[in-house]
Amino acid sequence: MPDNLAAFVVRLLEQGNGEFSKRAIIKGFNDFPPHEISKIENEYKTIFM
């Protein structure tokens, strides 16, 4: 994952308290399957919360 995309993901998760907003999923991560989105959210929570 490119650094700028990783930074964007972290900012979205910071704003959503560890969860992507529905808008973020629709607009930016529509290509990701739901289990991948959950995996990213869970990893963020493990590391930062």
PDB file of N, CA and C in Angstrom:
ATOM      1  N   MET A   1       0.860  -1.164   0.000  1.00  0.00           N
ATOM      2  CA  MET A   1       0.000   0.000   0.000  1.00  0.00           C
ATOM      3  C   MET A   1       0.908   1.231   0.000  1.00  0.00           C
ATOM      4  N   PRO A   2       0.686   2.156  -0.915  1.00  0.00           N
ATOM      5  CA  PRO A   2       1.486   3.385  -0.941  1.00  0.00           C
ATOM      6  C   PRO A   2       1.326   4.184   0.359  1.00  0.00           C
ATOM      7  N   ASP A   3       2.371   4.914   0.728  1.00  0.00           N
ATOM      8  CA  ASP A   3       2.369   5.684   1.975  1.00  0.00           C
ATOM      9  C   ASP A   3       1.207   6.664   2.063  1.00  0.00           C
ATOM     10  N   ASN A   4       0.912   7.334   0.950  1.00  0.00           N
ATOM     11  CA  ASN A   4      -0.176   8.328   1.002  1.00  0.00           C
ATOM     12  C   ASN A   4      -1.531   7.660   1.218  1.00  0.00           C
ATOM     13  N   LEU A   5      -1.730   6.471   0.675  1.00  0.00           N
ATOM     14  CA  LEU A   5      -2.979   5.747   0.896  1.00  0.00           C
ATOM     15  C   LEU A   5      -3.048   5.243   2.337  1.00  0.00           C
ATOM     16  N   ALA A   6      -1.943   4.754   2.859  1.00  0.00           N
ATOM     17  CA  ALA A   6      -1.907   4.288   4.249  1.00  0.00           C
ATOM     18  C   ALA A   6      -2.218   5.443   5.205  1.00  0.00           C
ATOM     19  N   ALA A   7      -1.655   6.609   4.951  1.00  0.00           N
ATOM     20  CA  ALA A   7      -1.916   7.779   5.795  1.00  0.00           C
ATOM     21  C   ALA A   7      -3.389   8.176   5.713  1.00  0.00           C
ATOM     22  N   PHE A   8      -3.965   8.089   4.526  1.00  0.00           N
ATOM     23  CA  PHE A   8      -5.379   8.405   4.338  1.00  0.00           C
ATOM     24  C   PHE A   8      -6.259   7.428   5.123  1.00  0.00           C
ATOM     25  N   VAL A   9      -5.929   6.157   5.067  1.00  0.00           N
ATOM     26  CA  VAL A   9      -6.678   5.130   5.797  1.00  0.00           C
ATOM     27  C   VAL A   9      -6.621   5.406   7.300  1.00  0.00           C
ATOM     28  N   VAL A  10      -5.435   5.717   7.810  1.00  0.00           N
ATOM     29  CA  VAL A  10      -5.281   5.993   9.243  1.00  0.00           C
ATOM     30  C   VAL A  10      -6.114   7.207   9.640  1.00  0.00           C
ATOM     31  N   ARG A  11      -6.099   8.260   8.822  1.00  0.00           N
ATOM     32  CA  ARG A  11      -6.900   9.452   9.137  1.00  0.00           C
ATOM     33  C   ARG A  11      -8.394   9.142   9.174  1.00  0.00           C
ATOM     34  N   LEU A  12      -8.859   8.345   8.211  1.00  0.00           N
ATOM     35  CA  LEU A  12     -10.281   7.979   8.210  1.00  0.00           C
ATOM     36  C   LEU A  12     -10.640   7.176   9.446  1.00  0.00           C
ATOM     37  N   LEU A  13      -9.764   6.268   9.839  1.00  0.00           N
ATOM     38  CA  LEU A  13     -10.040   5.449  11.015  1.00  0.00           C
ATOM     39  C   LEU A  13      -9.952   6.262  12.297  1.00  0.00           C
ATOM     40  N   GLU A  14      -9.054   7.247  12.331  1.00  0.00           N
ATOM     41  CA  GLU A  14      -8.991   8.143  13.497  1.00  0.00           C
ATOM     42  C   GLU A  14     -10.303   8.895  13.649  1.00  0.00           C
ATOM     43  N   GLN A  15     -10.816   9.402  12.545  1.00  0.00           N
ATOM     44  CA  GLN A  15     -12.051  10.179  12.571  1.00  0.00           C
ATOM     45  C   GLN A  15     -13.249   9.321  12.969  1.00  0.00           C
ATOM     46  N   GLY A  16     -13.223   8.042  12.588  1.00  0.00           N
ATOM     47  CA  GLY A  16     -14.350   7.157  12.864  1.00  0.00           C
ATOM     48  C   GLY A  16     -14.164   6.276  14.084  1.00  0.00           C
ATOM     49  N   ASN A  17     -13.202   6.637  14.939  1.00  0.00           N
ATOM     50  CA  ASN A  17     -12.935   5.841  16.147  1.00  0.00           C
ATOM     51  C   ASN A  17     -12.692   4.372  15.830  1.00  0.00           C
ATOM     52  N   GLY A  18     -11.895   4.139  14.803  1.00  0.00           N
ATOM     53  CA  GLY A  18     -11.497   2.783  14.453  1.00  0.00           C
ATOM     54  C   GLY A  18     -12.374   2.098  13.427  1.00  0.00           C
ATOM     55  N   GLU A  19     -13.348   2.815  12.900  1.00  0.00           N
ATOM     56  CA  GLU A  19     -14.232   2.239  11.892  1.00  0.00           C
ATOM     57  C   GLU A  19     -14.371   3.196  10.710  1.00  0.00           C
ATOM     58  N   PHE A  20     -14.445   2.625   9.522  1.00  0.00           N
ATOM     59  CA  PHE A  20     -14.698   3.425   8.337  1.00  0.00           C
ATOM     60  C   PHE A  20     -16.153   3.861   8.330  1.00  0.00           C
ATOM     61  N   SER A  21     -16.399   5.072   7.882  1.00  0.00           N
ATOM     62  CA  SER A  21     -17.780   5.510   7.703  1.00  0.00           C
ATOM     63  C   SER A  21     -18.346   4.809   6.470  1.00  0.00           C
ATOM     64  N   LYS A  22     -19.656   4.746   6.396  1.00  0.00           N
ATOM     65  CA  LYS A  22     -20.284   4.135   5.221  1.00  0.00           C
ATOM     66  C   LYS A  22     -19.893   4.898   3.959  1.00  0.00           C
ATOM     67  N   ARG A  23     -19.788   6.213   4.089  1.00  0.00           N
ATOM     68  CA  ARG A  23     -19.401   7.038   2.936  1.00  0.00           C
ATOM     69  C   ARG A  23     -17.994   6.696   2.483  1.00  0.00           C
ATOM     70  N   ALA A  24     -17.070   6.507   3.426  1.00  0.00           N
ATOM     71  CA  ALA A  24     -15.691   6.164   3.072  1.00  0.00           C
ATOM     72  C   ALA A  24     -15.632   4.820   2.364  1.00  0.00           C
ATOM     73  N   ILE A  25     -16.420   3.882   2.829  1.00  0.00           N
ATOM     74  CA  ILE A  25     -16.432   2.559   2.193  1.00  0.00           C
ATOM     75  C   ILE A  25     -16.964   2.668   0.775  1.00  0.00           C
ATOM     76  N   ILE A  26     -18.059   3.404   0.596  1.00  0.00           N
ATOM     77  CA  ILE A  26     -18.668   3.532  -0.731  1.00  0.00           C
ATOM     78  C   ILE A  26     -17.755   4.309  -1.679  1.00  0.00           C
ATOM     79  N   LYS A  27     -17.212   5.432  -1.203  1.00  0.00           N
ATOM     80  CA  LYS A  27     -16.425   6.313  -2.072  1.00  0.00           C
ATOM     81  C   LYS A  27     -15.005   5.803  -2.335  1.00  0.00           C
ATOM     82  N   GLY A  28     -14.343   5.265  -1.304  1.00  0.00           N
ATOM     83  CA  GLY A  28     -12.935   4.969  -1.465  1.00  0.00           C
ATOM     84  C   GLY A  28     -12.533   3.518  -1.413  1.00  0.00           C
ATOM     85  N   PHE A  29     -13.380   2.682  -0.831  1.00  0.00           N
ATOM     86  CA  PHE A  29     -12.969   1.298  -0.618  1.00  0.00           C
ATOM     87  C   PHE A  29     -14.010   0.313  -1.120  1.00  0.00           C
ATOM     88  N   ASN A  30     -14.753   0.721  -2.124  1.00  0.00           N
ATOM     89  CA  ASN A  30     -15.802  -0.112  -2.683  1.00  0.00           C
ATOM     90  C   ASN A  30     -15.246  -1.400  -3.294  1.00  0.00           C
ATOM     91  N   ASP A  31     -13.993  -1.376  -3.734  1.00  0.00           N
ATOM     92  CA  ASP A  31     -13.380  -2.554  -4.350  1.00  0.00           C
ATOM     93  C   ASP A  31     -12.933  -3.585  -3.326  1.00  0.00           C
ATOM     94  N   PHE A  32     -12.865  -3.179  -2.058  1.00  0.00           N
ATOM     95  CA  PHE A  32     -12.435  -4.097  -1.011  1.00  0.00           C
ATOM     96  C   PHE A  32     -13.620  -4.956  -0.564  1.00  0.00           C
ATOM     97  N   PRO A  33     -13.419  -6.259  -0.410  1.00  0.00           N
ATOM     98  CA  PRO A  33     -14.499  -7.082   0.135  1.00  0.00           C
ATOM     99  C   PRO A  33     -14.718  -6.756   1.615  1.00  0.00           C
ATOM    100  N   PRO A  34     -15.918  -6.972   2.123  1.00  0.00           N
ATOM    101  CA  PRO A  34     -16.223  -6.623   3.519  1.00  0.00           C
ATOM    102  C   PRO A  34     -15.270  -7.235   4.540  1.00  0.00           C
ATOM    103  N   HIS A  35     -14.815  -8.461   4.296  1.00  0.00           N
ATOM    104  CA  HIS A  35     -13.908  -9.075   5.279  1.00  0.00           C
ATOM    105  C   HIS A  35     -12.556  -8.364   5.326  1.00  0.00           C
ATOM    106  N   GLU A  36     -12.127  -7.780   4.219  1.00  0.00           N
ATOM    107  CA  GLU A  36     -10.872  -7.025   4.206  1.00  0.00           C
ATOM    108  C   GLU A  36     -11.032  -5.710   4.966  1.00  0.00           C
ATOM    109  N   ILE A  37     -12.166  -5.068   4.821  1.00  0.00           N
ATOM    110  CA  ILE A  37     -12.429  -3.824   5.542  1.00  0.00           C
ATOM    111  C   ILE A  37     -12.438  -4.095   7.048  1.00  0.00           C
ATOM    112  N   SER A  38     -13.097  -5.168   7.447  1.00  0.00           N
ATOM    113  CA  SER A  38     -13.124  -5.539   8.872  1.00  0.00           C
ATOM    114  C   SER A  38     -11.734  -5.847   9.383  1.00  0.00           C
ATOM    115  N   LYS A  39     -10.946  -6.501   8.576  1.00  0.00           N
ATOM    116  CA  LYS A  39      -9.578  -6.844   8.964  1.00  0.00           C
ATOM    117  C   LYS A  39      -8.739  -5.585   9.196  1.00  0.00           C
ATOM    118  N   ILE A  40      -8.865  -4.606   8.300  1.00  0.00           N
ATOM    119  CA  ILE A  40      -8.141  -3.342   8.447  1.00  0.00           C
ATOM    120  C   ILE A  40      -8.586  -2.625   9.717  1.00  0.00           C
ATOM    121  N   GLU A  41      -9.905  -2.557   9.948  1.00  0.00           N
ATOM    122  CA  GLU A  41     -10.432  -1.903  11.142  1.00  0.00           C
ATOM    123  C   GLU A  41      -9.928  -2.591  12.414  1.00  0.00           C
ATOM    124  N   ASN A  42      -9.937  -3.914  12.430  1.00  0.00           N
ATOM    125  CA  ASN A  42      -9.485  -4.659  13.605  1.00  0.00           C
ATOM    126  C   ASN A  42      -7.999  -4.455  13.867  1.00  0.00           C
ATOM    127  N   GLU A  43      -7.190  -4.433  12.813  1.00  0.00           N
ATOM    128  CA  GLU A  43      -5.752  -4.204  12.973  1.00  0.00           C
ATOM    129  C   GLU A  43      -5.491  -2.797  13.520  1.00  0.00           C
ATOM    130  N   TYR A  44      -6.236  -1.823  13.017  1.00  0.00           N
ATOM    131  CA  TYR A  44      -6.091  -0.449  13.517  1.00  0.00           C
ATOM    132  C   TYR A  44      -6.400  -0.409  15.010  1.00  0.00           C
ATOM    133  N   LYS A  45      -7.507  -1.026  15.393  1.00  0.00           N
ATOM    134  CA  LYS A  45      -7.912  -1.019  16.805  1.00  0.00           C
ATOM    135  C   LYS A  45      -6.861  -1.709  17.676  1.00  0.00           C
ATOM    136  N   THR A  46      -6.285  -2.794  17.176  1.00  0.00           N
ATOM    137  CA  THR A  46      -5.245  -3.515  17.931  1.00  0.00           C
ATOM    138  C   THR A  46      -4.022  -2.638  18.152  1.00  0.00           C
ATOM    139  N   ILE A  47      -3.652  -1.897  17.142  1.00  0.00           N
ATOM    140  CA  ILE A  47      -2.418  -1.093  17.211  1.00  0.00           C
ATOM    141  C   ILE A  47      -2.632   0.225  17.927  1.00  0.00           C
ATOM    142  N   PHE A  48      -3.707   0.927  17.629  1.00  0.00           N
ATOM    143  CA  PHE A  48      -3.861   2.313  18.091  1.00  0.00           C
ATOM    144  C   PHE A  48      -4.855   2.530  19.222  1.00  0.00           C
ATOM    145  N   MET A  49      -5.642   1.537  19.576  1.00  0.00           N
ATOM    146  CA  MET A  49      -6.661   1.776  20.606  1.00  0.00           C
ATOM    147  C   MET A  49      -6.421   0.899  21.815  1.00  0.00           C
TER     148      MET A  49
END
